[in-house]
Amino acid sequence: MLKMNGKFFIIILLLFIFVSCGWFERQDHDITKPEIPSFKVHGHVRKISTGKGIKDLELLLYQEESYDGAWIDQIIVYTDENGYFEFNKVPRGKFYLYIYKDNDDLLDTVVFGVINYDDKELNIAVPL
């Protein structure tokens, strides 16, 4: 049988006490991922000839690429009486913006990227 000397016994006893008291337990850390930033993309659609805003155009936003792993479904909005439009909660990525007249005629396609915090405003001129 193995003999234990006094020092060895005290070391084993202290280790048992440390472990049983939780001194070596892992600390709880919040490991939730940070929220992916999203942006409001807004602007105006205007006639090239006059610079006036165009009312009631249909704008369809389609996401081609994601830079943060966040994706959105297609979003459709309509321009107001000043040609103003607004898309909310747009993640960083590459987008196609399709602009339609009321009879489903495609007027223009705009390709743009939301990369930085400054890439949130579009001013578009269409040939009307």
N, C-alpha and C. Protein backbone atom coordinates (compact mmCIF):
# COMPACT_ATOMS: atom_id res chain seq x y z
N MET A 1 0.84 -1.17 0.00
CA MET A 1 0.00 0.00 0.00
C MET A 1 0.89 1.23 0.00
N LEU A 2 0.39 2.27 -0.61
CA LEU A 2 1.15 3.48 -0.76
C LEU A 2 1.07 4.31 0.50
N LYS A 3 2.20 4.80 0.92
CA LYS A 3 2.23 5.67 2.10
C LYS A 3 2.17 7.11 1.65
N MET A 4 1.41 7.91 2.36
CA MET A 4 1.33 9.33 2.07
C MET A 4 2.03 10.09 3.18
N ASN A 5 2.92 10.97 2.78
CA ASN A 5 3.52 11.80 3.81
C ASN A 5 2.59 12.99 4.08
N GLY A 6 2.86 13.73 5.11
CA GLY A 6 1.98 14.81 5.55
C GLY A 6 1.84 15.94 4.54
N LYS A 7 2.94 16.32 3.88
CA LYS A 7 2.88 17.42 2.91
C LYS A 7 2.02 17.04 1.70
N PHE A 8 2.19 15.83 1.21
CA PHE A 8 1.42 15.38 0.06
C PHE A 8 -0.07 15.35 0.40
N PHE A 9 -0.40 14.88 1.58
CA PHE A 9 -1.79 14.82 2.03
C PHE A 9 -2.39 16.23 2.11
N ILE A 10 -1.66 17.21 2.61
CA ILE A 10 -2.15 18.58 2.73
C ILE A 10 -2.39 19.19 1.35
N ILE A 11 -1.48 18.91 0.41
CA ILE A 11 -1.64 19.44 -0.96
C ILE A 11 -2.89 18.87 -1.60
N ILE A 12 -3.10 17.57 -1.46
CA ILE A 12 -4.30 16.94 -2.02
C ILE A 12 -5.54 17.51 -1.36
N LEU A 13 -5.53 17.69 -0.07
CA LEU A 13 -6.66 18.24 0.65
C LEU A 13 -6.96 19.66 0.19
N LEU A 14 -5.94 20.50 0.01
CA LEU A 14 -6.14 21.87 -0.45
C LEU A 14 -6.71 21.91 -1.87
N LEU A 15 -6.21 21.06 -2.75
CA LEU A 15 -6.75 20.98 -4.11
C LEU A 15 -8.22 20.60 -4.08
N PHE A 16 -8.57 19.64 -3.25
CA PHE A 16 -9.96 19.22 -3.13
C PHE A 16 -10.83 20.38 -2.64
N ILE A 17 -10.35 21.14 -1.69
CA ILE A 17 -11.11 22.28 -1.16
C ILE A 17 -11.28 23.35 -2.24
N PHE A 18 -10.19 23.68 -2.97
CA PHE A 18 -10.28 24.69 -4.03
C PHE A 18 -11.30 24.29 -5.09
N VAL A 19 -11.23 23.05 -5.51
CA VAL A 19 -12.12 22.58 -6.56
C VAL A 19 -13.56 22.56 -6.06
N SER A 20 -13.79 22.09 -4.86
CA SER A 20 -15.15 21.99 -4.34
C SER A 20 -15.74 23.36 -4.04
N CYS A 21 -14.93 24.37 -3.81
CA CYS A 21 -15.43 25.72 -3.55
C CYS A 21 -15.68 26.49 -4.85
N GLY A 22 -15.32 25.94 -5.97
CA GLY A 22 -15.56 26.61 -7.24
C GLY A 22 -14.50 27.62 -7.63
N TRP A 23 -13.36 27.60 -7.03
CA TRP A 23 -12.33 28.57 -7.34
C TRP A 23 -11.76 28.38 -8.75
N PHE A 24 -11.86 27.18 -9.26
CA PHE A 24 -11.32 26.90 -10.59
C PHE A 24 -12.41 26.77 -11.64
N GLU A 25 -13.63 27.13 -11.30
CA GLU A 25 -14.71 27.02 -12.28
C GLU A 25 -14.56 28.11 -13.35
N ARG A 26 -15.11 27.81 -14.50
CA ARG A 26 -15.09 28.79 -15.58
C ARG A 26 -16.07 29.91 -15.26
N GLN A 27 -15.69 31.09 -15.59
CA GLN A 27 -16.59 32.21 -15.39
C GLN A 27 -17.56 32.27 -16.55
N ASP A 28 -18.77 32.70 -16.26
CA ASP A 28 -19.77 32.86 -17.31
C ASP A 28 -19.47 34.12 -18.10
N HIS A 29 -19.45 33.99 -19.42
CA HIS A 29 -19.22 35.13 -20.29
C HIS A 29 -20.37 35.18 -21.28
N ASP A 30 -20.77 36.38 -21.59
CA ASP A 30 -21.80 36.56 -22.59
C ASP A 30 -21.15 36.43 -23.96
N ILE A 31 -21.50 35.38 -24.69
CA ILE A 31 -20.88 35.14 -25.98
C ILE A 31 -21.85 35.38 -27.14
N THR A 32 -22.90 36.14 -26.89
CA THR A 32 -23.82 36.45 -27.98
C THR A 32 -23.12 37.35 -28.98
N LYS A 33 -23.42 37.11 -30.23
CA LYS A 33 -22.81 37.91 -31.29
C LYS A 33 -23.37 39.33 -31.24
N PRO A 34 -22.55 40.30 -31.58
CA PRO A 34 -23.07 41.67 -31.63
C PRO A 34 -24.08 41.80 -32.77
N GLU A 35 -25.00 42.72 -32.60
CA GLU A 35 -26.01 42.94 -33.63
C GLU A 35 -25.36 43.46 -34.90
N ILE A 36 -25.78 42.92 -36.03
CA ILE A 36 -25.25 43.36 -37.31
C ILE A 36 -25.86 44.73 -37.62
N PRO A 37 -25.04 45.71 -37.97
CA PRO A 37 -25.59 47.05 -38.22
C PRO A 37 -26.47 47.07 -39.46
N SER A 38 -27.50 47.89 -39.41
CA SER A 38 -28.34 48.08 -40.59
C SER A 38 -28.52 49.59 -40.78
N PHE A 39 -28.94 49.94 -41.97
CA PHE A 39 -28.96 51.34 -42.37
C PHE A 39 -30.30 51.71 -42.99
N LYS A 40 -30.55 53.00 -43.02
CA LYS A 40 -31.69 53.53 -43.76
C LYS A 40 -31.12 54.09 -45.06
N VAL A 41 -31.54 53.52 -46.19
CA VAL A 41 -31.13 54.02 -47.50
C VAL A 41 -32.28 54.86 -48.02
N HIS A 42 -31.99 56.09 -48.37
CA HIS A 42 -33.05 57.01 -48.80
C HIS A 42 -32.53 57.93 -49.87
N GLY A 43 -33.44 58.62 -50.51
CA GLY A 43 -33.05 59.57 -51.54
C GLY A 43 -34.23 60.04 -52.34
N HIS A 44 -33.95 60.54 -53.53
CA HIS A 44 -34.99 61.07 -54.42
C HIS A 44 -34.80 60.51 -55.82
N VAL A 45 -35.91 60.36 -56.51
CA VAL A 45 -35.89 60.04 -57.93
C VAL A 45 -36.45 61.27 -58.64
N ARG A 46 -35.65 61.80 -59.59
CA ARG A 46 -36.03 63.03 -60.28
C ARG A 46 -35.93 62.84 -61.79
N LYS A 47 -36.67 63.68 -62.50
CA LYS A 47 -36.58 63.70 -63.96
C LYS A 47 -35.25 64.34 -64.36
N ILE A 48 -34.62 63.77 -65.36
CA ILE A 48 -33.37 64.35 -65.86
C ILE A 48 -33.62 65.74 -66.44
N SER A 49 -34.71 65.88 -67.18
CA SER A 49 -34.96 67.13 -67.91
C SER A 49 -35.27 68.31 -66.99
N THR A 50 -36.03 68.06 -65.92
CA THR A 50 -36.47 69.19 -65.08
C THR A 50 -35.89 69.17 -63.67
N GLY A 51 -35.44 68.05 -63.21
CA GLY A 51 -34.95 67.94 -61.85
C GLY A 51 -36.05 67.80 -60.81
N LYS A 52 -37.31 67.72 -61.27
CA LYS A 52 -38.44 67.57 -60.34
C LYS A 52 -38.58 66.12 -59.90
N GLY A 53 -39.03 65.95 -58.66
CA GLY A 53 -39.28 64.61 -58.14
C GLY A 53 -40.44 63.94 -58.85
N ILE A 54 -40.36 62.61 -58.95
CA ILE A 54 -41.39 61.84 -59.64
C ILE A 54 -42.19 61.05 -58.60
N LYS A 55 -43.49 61.24 -58.62
CA LYS A 55 -44.41 60.63 -57.66
C LYS A 55 -44.84 59.23 -58.12
N ASP A 56 -45.09 58.36 -57.14
CA ASP A 56 -45.71 57.03 -57.33
C ASP A 56 -44.91 56.08 -58.21
N LEU A 57 -43.60 56.17 -58.18
CA LEU A 57 -42.80 55.15 -58.84
C LEU A 57 -42.61 53.98 -57.88
N GLU A 58 -42.58 52.79 -58.42
CA GLU A 58 -42.34 51.60 -57.60
C GLU A 58 -40.84 51.30 -57.61
N LEU A 59 -40.26 51.18 -56.41
CA LEU A 59 -38.84 50.86 -56.29
C LEU A 59 -38.71 49.51 -55.60
N LEU A 60 -38.05 48.58 -56.27
CA LEU A 60 -37.84 47.25 -55.73
C LEU A 60 -36.36 47.09 -55.41
N LEU A 61 -36.07 46.80 -54.15
CA LEU A 61 -34.69 46.63 -53.69
C LEU A 61 -34.39 45.14 -53.61
N TYR A 62 -33.35 44.71 -54.31
CA TYR A 62 -32.93 43.30 -54.34
C TYR A 62 -31.49 43.21 -53.88
N GLN A 63 -31.21 42.33 -52.92
CA GLN A 63 -29.85 42.18 -52.41
C GLN A 63 -29.10 41.11 -53.20
N GLU A 64 -27.96 41.49 -53.76
CA GLU A 64 -27.12 40.59 -54.57
C GLU A 64 -26.05 39.90 -53.72
N GLU A 65 -25.40 40.66 -52.82
CA GLU A 65 -24.34 40.12 -51.96
C GLU A 65 -24.52 40.64 -50.54
N SER A 66 -23.99 39.87 -49.60
CA SER A 66 -24.00 40.30 -48.20
C SER A 66 -22.56 40.44 -47.74
N TYR A 67 -22.26 41.53 -47.05
CA TYR A 67 -20.91 41.75 -46.53
C TYR A 67 -20.78 41.36 -45.06
N ASP A 68 -21.92 41.13 -44.38
CA ASP A 68 -21.90 40.76 -42.96
C ASP A 68 -22.60 39.43 -42.70
N GLY A 69 -23.10 38.78 -43.74
CA GLY A 69 -23.86 37.55 -43.55
C GLY A 69 -25.34 37.78 -43.32
N ALA A 70 -25.78 39.04 -43.36
CA ALA A 70 -27.20 39.36 -43.15
C ALA A 70 -27.86 39.55 -44.52
N TRP A 71 -29.04 38.96 -44.67
CA TRP A 71 -29.78 39.05 -45.92
C TRP A 71 -31.17 39.60 -45.66
N ILE A 72 -31.71 40.29 -46.65
CA ILE A 72 -33.09 40.77 -46.56
C ILE A 72 -33.86 40.23 -47.76
N ASP A 73 -35.17 40.14 -47.60
CA ASP A 73 -36.03 39.82 -48.74
C ASP A 73 -36.16 41.06 -49.60
N GLN A 74 -36.71 40.87 -50.77
CA GLN A 74 -36.96 42.03 -51.63
C GLN A 74 -37.90 42.99 -50.91
N ILE A 75 -37.65 44.27 -51.07
CA ILE A 75 -38.48 45.29 -50.45
C ILE A 75 -39.01 46.20 -51.56
N ILE A 76 -40.29 46.53 -51.49
CA ILE A 76 -40.89 47.45 -52.45
C ILE A 76 -41.40 48.68 -51.71
N VAL A 77 -41.04 49.85 -52.21
CA VAL A 77 -41.56 51.12 -51.68
C VAL A 77 -41.98 51.97 -52.88
N TYR A 78 -42.72 53.03 -52.59
CA TYR A 78 -43.17 53.95 -53.63
C TYR A 78 -42.68 55.35 -53.29
N THR A 79 -42.39 56.11 -54.33
CA THR A 79 -41.93 57.49 -54.11
C THR A 79 -43.13 58.36 -53.71
N ASP A 80 -42.86 59.37 -52.88
CA ASP A 80 -43.92 60.30 -52.49
C ASP A 80 -44.04 61.42 -53.53
N GLU A 81 -44.79 62.45 -53.23
CA GLU A 81 -45.05 63.53 -54.18
C GLU A 81 -43.78 64.30 -54.57
N ASN A 82 -42.72 64.18 -53.78
CA ASN A 82 -41.45 64.85 -54.10
C ASN A 82 -40.41 63.89 -54.69
N GLY A 83 -40.81 62.65 -54.93
CA GLY A 83 -39.88 61.65 -55.45
C GLY A 83 -39.03 61.00 -54.38
N TYR A 84 -39.36 61.26 -53.12
CA TYR A 84 -38.57 60.73 -51.99
C TYR A 84 -38.93 59.27 -51.74
N PHE A 85 -37.91 58.48 -51.40
CA PHE A 85 -38.10 57.08 -51.02
C PHE A 85 -37.22 56.76 -49.83
N GLU A 86 -37.55 55.64 -49.17
CA GLU A 86 -36.79 55.25 -47.98
C GLU A 86 -36.90 53.75 -47.77
N PHE A 87 -35.75 53.10 -47.59
CA PHE A 87 -35.69 51.69 -47.22
C PHE A 87 -35.05 51.61 -45.84
N ASN A 88 -35.69 50.91 -44.92
CA ASN A 88 -35.17 50.78 -43.56
C ASN A 88 -34.57 49.40 -43.32
N LYS A 89 -33.66 49.32 -42.38
CA LYS A 89 -33.01 48.08 -41.96
C LYS A 89 -32.32 47.35 -43.11
N VAL A 90 -31.50 48.09 -43.82
CA VAL A 90 -30.73 47.54 -44.94
C VAL A 90 -29.34 47.17 -44.42
N PRO A 91 -28.93 45.90 -44.57
CA PRO A 91 -27.59 45.51 -44.12
C PRO A 91 -26.53 45.93 -45.13
N ARG A 92 -25.28 45.78 -44.73
CA ARG A 92 -24.18 46.05 -45.66
C ARG A 92 -24.22 45.00 -46.78
N GLY A 93 -24.04 45.46 -48.02
CA GLY A 93 -24.06 44.51 -49.13
C GLY A 93 -24.15 45.23 -50.47
N LYS A 94 -24.30 44.43 -51.52
CA LYS A 94 -24.47 44.94 -52.88
C LYS A 94 -25.94 44.78 -53.24
N PHE A 95 -26.53 45.83 -53.84
CA PHE A 95 -27.96 45.85 -54.11
C PHE A 95 -28.25 46.28 -55.54
N TYR A 96 -29.40 45.81 -56.03
CA TYR A 96 -29.98 46.30 -57.27
C TYR A 96 -31.27 47.01 -56.89
N LEU A 97 -31.45 48.20 -57.42
CA LEU A 97 -32.67 48.95 -57.21
C LEU A 97 -33.35 49.09 -58.57
N TYR A 98 -34.52 48.46 -58.71
CA TYR A 98 -35.29 48.51 -59.95
C TYR A 98 -36.37 49.57 -59.79
N ILE A 99 -36.47 50.46 -60.78
CA ILE A 99 -37.43 51.55 -60.73
C ILE A 99 -38.46 51.33 -61.84
N TYR A 100 -39.73 51.22 -61.43
CA TYR A 100 -40.82 50.93 -62.36
C TYR A 100 -41.82 52.07 -62.39
N LYS A 101 -42.42 52.29 -63.59
CA LYS A 101 -43.57 53.19 -63.72
C LYS A 101 -44.81 52.41 -63.30
N ASP A 102 -45.92 53.10 -63.22
CA ASP A 102 -47.17 52.48 -62.77
C ASP A 102 -47.66 51.33 -63.65
N ASN A 103 -47.25 51.27 -64.90
CA ASN A 103 -47.69 50.18 -65.78
C ASN A 103 -46.62 49.08 -65.90
N ASP A 104 -45.80 48.93 -64.87
CA ASP A 104 -44.77 47.90 -64.78
C ASP A 104 -43.66 48.02 -65.82
N ASP A 105 -43.50 49.21 -66.40
CA ASP A 105 -42.38 49.44 -67.31
C ASP A 105 -41.14 49.75 -66.48
N LEU A 106 -40.07 49.03 -66.76
CA LEU A 106 -38.81 49.27 -66.05
C LEU A 106 -38.17 50.54 -66.60
N LEU A 107 -38.00 51.52 -65.72
CA LEU A 107 -37.37 52.79 -66.12
C LEU A 107 -35.87 52.74 -66.00
N ASP A 108 -35.38 52.16 -64.91
CA ASP A 108 -33.95 52.22 -64.65
C ASP A 108 -33.59 51.15 -63.64
N THR A 109 -32.32 50.75 -63.67
CA THR A 109 -31.76 49.84 -62.66
C THR A 109 -30.51 50.51 -62.12
N VAL A 110 -30.44 50.60 -60.81
CA VAL A 110 -29.30 51.22 -60.15
C VAL A 110 -28.62 50.15 -59.31
N VAL A 111 -27.32 50.00 -59.48
CA VAL A 111 -26.54 49.07 -58.67
C VAL A 111 -25.75 49.90 -57.68
N PHE A 112 -25.84 49.53 -56.40
CA PHE A 112 -25.10 50.28 -55.40
C PHE A 112 -24.71 49.36 -54.26
N GLY A 113 -23.78 49.83 -53.45
CA GLY A 113 -23.34 49.07 -52.30
C GLY A 113 -23.48 49.87 -51.03
N VAL A 114 -23.85 49.18 -49.97
CA VAL A 114 -23.84 49.78 -48.64
C VAL A 114 -22.62 49.19 -47.95
N ILE A 115 -21.56 49.97 -47.87
CA ILE A 115 -20.31 49.49 -47.30
C ILE A 115 -19.99 50.23 -46.02
N ASN A 116 -20.05 51.54 -46.07
CA ASN A 116 -19.71 52.38 -44.93
C ASN A 116 -20.96 53.07 -44.41
N TYR A 117 -20.81 53.75 -43.31
CA TYR A 117 -21.93 54.48 -42.73
C TYR A 117 -22.36 55.64 -43.62
N ASP A 118 -21.50 56.08 -44.53
CA ASP A 118 -21.84 57.21 -45.40
C ASP A 118 -22.61 56.79 -46.65
N ASP A 119 -22.68 55.50 -46.93
CA ASP A 119 -23.30 55.02 -48.17
C ASP A 119 -24.80 54.81 -47.99
N LYS A 120 -25.50 55.85 -47.56
CA LYS A 120 -26.90 55.65 -47.24
C LYS A 120 -27.84 56.54 -48.02
N GLU A 121 -27.32 57.38 -48.89
CA GLU A 121 -28.19 58.29 -49.61
C GLU A 121 -27.99 58.13 -51.10
N LEU A 122 -29.10 58.01 -51.83
CA LEU A 122 -29.06 57.89 -53.28
C LEU A 122 -29.90 58.99 -53.89
N ASN A 123 -29.37 59.66 -54.87
CA ASN A 123 -30.15 60.62 -55.64
C ASN A 123 -30.07 60.16 -57.09
N ILE A 124 -31.22 59.80 -57.63
CA ILE A 124 -31.29 59.13 -58.91
C ILE A 124 -32.04 60.02 -59.90
N ALA A 125 -31.50 60.16 -61.09
CA ALA A 125 -32.17 60.88 -62.16
C ALA A 125 -32.57 59.88 -63.23
N VAL A 126 -33.85 59.87 -63.61
CA VAL A 126 -34.33 58.94 -64.63
C VAL A 126 -34.77 59.72 -65.86
N PRO A 127 -34.66 59.10 -67.04
CA PRO A 127 -34.98 59.80 -68.28
C PRO A 127 -36.49 59.88 -68.53
N LEU A 128 -37.15 60.85 -67.95
CA LEU A 128 -38.57 61.09 -68.19
C LEU A 128 -38.80 62.52 -68.61
